Amino acid sequence: MAPSRRAGRLLFLPLALVHLLSSCPHTTSGAPNTAPLSVLCNGAVYGAGDPFAESLAYVLADLLAATPQSRARDAYTISPYPNAFAYGHAACRAGLTGVDCASCLGSAVSQMNATCGHAVGARAVLVDCSVRYEQYAFVA
């Protein structure tokens, strides 16, 4: 008796699922994927000498240091300067090593800076990581 078309389709689906799962390892070896999915900028900008620049520098440096060290590869921070607060969040795909997470976040910050300049808020979402900063508190 010849197998039915339906039986062939039922066999194909589990094989396709096994192939898909085997092609998505839990840990990543090699360079992170820093292709941008989106880079968004707040339309408001800060000027030269604005205290927000110091707050932003603090937030980005803290995120670049803390996120790769975090077990979850996810971190929030706030600047300690009350005259111009900056808030930030960064995350890497869980399978990335700390070194690859740091590399990806560095690329995200570079892409944000190149696209958004002196925006008071920006977000870069790359394939393997994301970074966001704002002048106001937010939840990712």
C-alpha atoms as a PDB file:
ATOM      1  CA  MET A   1       0.000   0.000   0.000  1.00  0.00           C
ATOM      2  CA  ALA A   2       1.468   3.383  -1.030  1.00  0.00           C
ATOM      3  CA  PRO A   3       1.849   6.096   1.634  1.00  0.00           C
ATOM      4  CA  SER A   4      -0.622   8.937   1.401  1.00  0.00           C
ATOM      5  CA  ARG A   5       0.341  12.535   0.698  1.00  0.00           C
ATOM      6  CA  ARG A   6      -0.818  13.453   4.195  1.00  0.00           C
ATOM      7  CA  ALA A   7       1.610  10.980   5.773  1.00  0.00           C
ATOM      8  CA  GLY A   8       4.428  12.524   3.726  1.00  0.00           C
ATOM      9  CA  ARG A   9       3.534  15.998   4.992  1.00  0.00           C
ATOM     10  CA  LEU A  10       3.362  14.806   8.581  1.00  0.00           C
ATOM     11  CA  LEU A  11       6.847  13.322   8.297  1.00  0.00           C
ATOM     12  CA  PHE A  12       8.193  16.508   6.677  1.00  0.00           C
ATOM     13  CA  LEU A  13       7.079  18.815   9.504  1.00  0.00           C
ATOM     14  CA  PRO A  14       9.061  17.082  12.303  1.00  0.00           C
ATOM     15  CA  LEU A  15      12.125  16.827  10.053  1.00  0.00           C
ATOM     16  CA  ALA A  16      11.882  20.524   9.217  1.00  0.00           C
ATOM     17  CA  LEU A  17      11.569  21.354  12.920  1.00  0.00           C
ATOM     18  CA  VAL A  18      14.640  19.257  13.781  1.00  0.00           C
ATOM     19  CA  HIS A  19      16.613  21.018  11.033  1.00  0.00           C
ATOM     20  CA  LEU A  20      15.486  24.440  12.251  1.00  0.00           C
ATOM     21  CA  LEU A  21      16.400  23.697  15.867  1.00  0.00           C
ATOM     22  CA  SER A  22      19.793  22.283  14.942  1.00  0.00           C
ATOM     23  CA  SER A  23      20.622  25.421  12.965  1.00  0.00           C
ATOM     24  CA  CYS A  24      19.940  27.691  15.983  1.00  0.00           C
ATOM     25  CA  PRO A  25      22.600  26.915  18.580  1.00  0.00           C
ATOM     26  CA  HIS A  26      22.152  28.011  22.186  1.00  0.00           C
ATOM     27  CA  THR A  27      25.535  29.719  22.267  1.00  0.00           C
ATOM     28  CA  THR A  28      27.162  31.742  19.587  1.00  0.00           C
ATOM     29  CA  SER A  29      30.674  31.314  18.330  1.00  0.00           C
ATOM     30  CA  GLY A  30      32.246  33.947  16.152  1.00  0.00           C
ATOM     31  CA  ALA A  31      31.317  37.573  15.714  1.00  0.00           C
ATOM     32  CA  PRO A  32      27.877  38.840  16.724  1.00  0.00           C
ATOM     33  CA  ASN A  33      25.432  39.877  14.020  1.00  0.00           C
ATOM     34  CA  THR A  34      25.456  43.677  14.148  1.00  0.00           C
ATOM     35  CA  ALA A  35      23.153  44.256  11.197  1.00  0.00           C
ATOM     36  CA  PRO A  36      20.692  47.012  12.150  1.00  0.00           C
ATOM     37  CA  LEU A  37      17.000  46.166  12.303  1.00  0.00           C
ATOM     38  CA  SER A  38      16.111  49.753  13.252  1.00  0.00           C
ATOM     39  CA  VAL A  39      17.716  52.930  14.548  1.00  0.00           C
ATOM     40  CA  LEU A  40      15.225  55.463  15.897  1.00  0.00           C
ATOM     41  CA  CYS A  41      15.941  59.002  17.094  1.00  0.00           C
ATOM     42  CA  ASN A  42      14.058  61.480  19.258  1.00  0.00           C
ATOM     43  CA  GLY A  43      13.497  64.693  17.301  1.00  0.00           C
ATOM     44  CA  ALA A  44      14.648  66.898  20.195  1.00  0.00           C
ATOM     45  CA  VAL A  45      18.377  67.572  20.465  1.00  0.00           C
ATOM     46  CA  TYR A  46      20.775  68.825  23.121  1.00  0.00           C
ATOM     47  CA  GLY A  47      23.353  71.508  22.428  1.00  0.00           C
ATOM     48  CA  ALA A  48      27.030  71.997  23.140  1.00  0.00           C
ATOM     49  CA  GLY A  49      27.736  72.355  26.836  1.00  0.00           C
ATOM     50  CA  ASP A  50      24.372  70.862  27.819  1.00  0.00           C
ATOM     51  CA  PRO A  51      24.648  68.857  31.071  1.00  0.00           C
ATOM     52  CA  PHE A  52      22.689  66.062  29.350  1.00  0.00           C
ATOM     53  CA  ALA A  53      25.855  65.228  27.371  1.00  0.00           C
ATOM     54  CA  GLU A  54      27.664  64.246  30.577  1.00  0.00           C
ATOM     55  CA  SER A  55      24.689  62.216  31.786  1.00  0.00           C
ATOM     56  CA  LEU A  56      24.425  60.438  28.453  1.00  0.00           C
ATOM     57  CA  ALA A  57      28.141  59.613  28.398  1.00  0.00           C
ATOM     58  CA  TYR A  58      27.799  58.111  31.882  1.00  0.00           C
ATOM     59  CA  VAL A  59      24.748  56.029  30.910  1.00  0.00           C
ATOM     60  CA  LEU A  60      26.282  54.637  27.718  1.00  0.00           C
ATOM     61  CA  ALA A  61      29.586  53.788  29.432  1.00  0.00           C
ATOM     62  CA  ASP A  62      27.724  52.080  32.271  1.00  0.00           C
ATOM     63  CA  LEU A  63      25.584  50.041  29.863  1.00  0.00           C
ATOM     64  CA  LEU A  64      28.626  49.000  27.820  1.00  0.00           C
ATOM     65  CA  ALA A  65      30.358  47.795  30.995  1.00  0.00           C
ATOM     66  CA  ALA A  66      27.437  46.260  32.919  1.00  0.00           C
ATOM     67  CA  THR A  67      25.402  44.483  30.240  1.00  0.00           C
ATOM     68  CA  PRO A  68      28.094  42.014  29.065  1.00  0.00           C
ATOM     69  CA  GLN A  69      28.837  41.155  32.721  1.00  0.00           C
ATOM     70  CA  SER A  70      25.178  40.528  33.535  1.00  0.00           C
ATOM     71  CA  ARG A  71      24.162  36.865  33.549  1.00  0.00           C
ATOM     72  CA  ALA A  72      20.982  37.767  31.637  1.00  0.00           C
ATOM     73  CA  ARG A  73      22.900  40.143  29.308  1.00  0.00           C
ATOM     74  CA  ASP A  74      20.330  42.821  30.188  1.00  0.00           C
ATOM     75  CA  ALA A  75      20.877  46.055  32.143  1.00  0.00           C
ATOM     76  CA  TYR A  76      19.159  49.319  33.050  1.00  0.00           C
ATOM     77  CA  THR A  77      20.911  52.413  34.378  1.00  0.00           C
ATOM     78  CA  ILE A  78      20.322  56.038  35.285  1.00  0.00           C
ATOM     79  CA  SER A  79      22.842  58.859  35.454  1.00  0.00           C
ATOM     80  CA  PRO A  80      23.687  60.195  38.918  1.00  0.00           C
ATOM     81  CA  TYR A  81      23.563  63.839  37.802  1.00  0.00           C
ATOM     82  CA  PRO A  82      20.277  65.453  38.971  1.00  0.00           C
ATOM     83  CA  ASN A  83      20.557  68.528  36.739  1.00  0.00           C
ATOM     84  CA  ALA A  84      20.026  66.437  33.569  1.00  0.00           C
ATOM     85  CA  PHE A  85      19.045  62.812  34.080  1.00  0.00           C
ATOM     86  CA  ALA A  86      19.578  60.218  31.372  1.00  0.00           C
ATOM     87  CA  TYR A  87      18.091  56.735  31.474  1.00  0.00           C
ATOM     88  CA  GLY A  88      19.297  53.706  29.559  1.00  0.00           C
ATOM     89  CA  HIS A  89      18.689  50.063  28.775  1.00  0.00           C
ATOM     90  CA  ALA A  90      20.778  47.550  26.861  1.00  0.00           C
ATOM     91  CA  ALA A  91      20.353  43.861  26.148  1.00  0.00           C
ATOM     92  CA  CYS A  92      22.102  41.150  24.182  1.00  0.00           C
ATOM     93  CA  ARG A  93      20.776  37.864  22.904  1.00  0.00           C
ATOM     94  CA  ALA A  94      21.137  35.383  25.750  1.00  0.00           C
ATOM     95  CA  GLY A  95      23.437  33.046  23.803  1.00  0.00           C
ATOM     96  CA  LEU A  96      26.136  35.666  23.251  1.00  0.00           C
ATOM     97  CA  THR A  97      29.377  35.560  25.192  1.00  0.00           C
ATOM     98  CA  GLY A  98      30.257  38.625  27.238  1.00  0.00           C
ATOM     99  CA  VAL A  99      32.907  39.618  24.693  1.00  0.00           C
ATOM    100  CA  ASP A 100      30.475  39.293  21.777  1.00  0.00           C
ATOM    101  CA  CYS A 101      27.810  41.191  23.716  1.00  0.00           C
ATOM    102  CA  ALA A 102      30.258  44.048  24.340  1.00  0.00           C
ATOM    103  CA  SER A 103      31.206  44.103  20.655  1.00  0.00           C
ATOM    104  CA  CYS A 104      27.570  44.191  19.562  1.00  0.00           C
ATOM    105  CA  LEU A 105      26.677  46.967  22.009  1.00  0.00           C
ATOM    106  CA  GLY A 106      29.649  49.027  20.836  1.00  0.00           C
ATOM    107  CA  SER A 107      28.370  48.723  17.286  1.00  0.00           C
ATOM    108  CA  ALA A 108      24.842  49.672  18.379  1.00  0.00           C
ATOM    109  CA  VAL A 109      26.096  52.816  20.131  1.00  0.00           C
ATOM    110  CA  SER A 110      28.199  53.753  17.078  1.00  0.00           C
ATOM    111  CA  GLN A 111      25.200  53.310  14.777  1.00  0.00           C
ATOM    112  CA  MET A 112      23.012  55.394  17.130  1.00  0.00           C
ATOM    113  CA  ASN A 113      25.601  58.168  17.289  1.00  0.00           C
ATOM    114  CA  ALA A 114      26.059  58.192  13.511  1.00  0.00           C
ATOM    115  CA  THR A 115      22.312  58.312  12.858  1.00  0.00           C
ATOM    116  CA  CYS A 116      20.993  60.379  15.769  1.00  0.00           C
ATOM    117  CA  GLY A 117      23.804  62.780  16.643  1.00  0.00           C
ATOM    118  CA  HIS A 118      22.766  64.872  19.643  1.00  0.00           C
ATOM    119  CA  ALA A 119      19.252  63.464  20.041  1.00  0.00           C
ATOM    120  CA  VAL A 120      17.924  63.419  23.615  1.00  0.00           C
ATOM    121  CA  GLY A 121      16.680  59.897  22.984  1.00  0.00           C
ATOM    122  CA  ALA A 122      17.616  57.073  20.648  1.00  0.00           C
ATOM    123  CA  ARG A 123      17.265  53.349  20.151  1.00  0.00           C
ATOM    124  CA  ALA A 124      19.331  50.956  18.053  1.00  0.00           C
ATOM    125  CA  VAL A 125      18.014  47.439  17.551  1.00  0.00           C
ATOM    126  CA  LEU A 126      20.537  45.099  15.958  1.00  0.00           C
ATOM    127  CA  VAL A 127      20.083  41.400  15.250  1.00  0.00           C
ATOM    128  CA  ASP A 128      21.989  40.343  18.396  1.00  0.00           C
ATOM    129  CA  CYS A 129      21.584  43.333  20.751  1.00  0.00           C
ATOM    130  CA  SER A 130      19.854  46.624  21.440  1.00  0.00           C
ATOM    131  CA  VAL A 131      20.567  49.911  23.229  1.00  0.00           C
ATOM    132  CA  ARG A 132      18.170  52.697  24.191  1.00  0.00           C
ATOM    133  CA  TYR A 133      18.566  55.965  26.069  1.00  0.00           C
ATOM    134  CA  GLU A 134      16.093  58.726  26.891  1.00  0.00           C
ATOM    135  CA  GLN A 135      15.715  61.902  28.956  1.00  0.00           C
ATOM    136  CA  TYR A 136      12.824  60.250  30.792  1.00  0.00           C
ATOM    137  CA  ALA A 137      12.322  56.957  32.625  1.00  0.00           C
ATOM    138  CA  PHE A 138      10.990  54.114  30.476  1.00  0.00           C
ATOM    139  CA  VAL A 139      10.381  50.380  30.520  1.00  0.00           C
ATOM    140  CA  ALA A 140      11.776  48.421  27.575  1.00  0.00           C
END
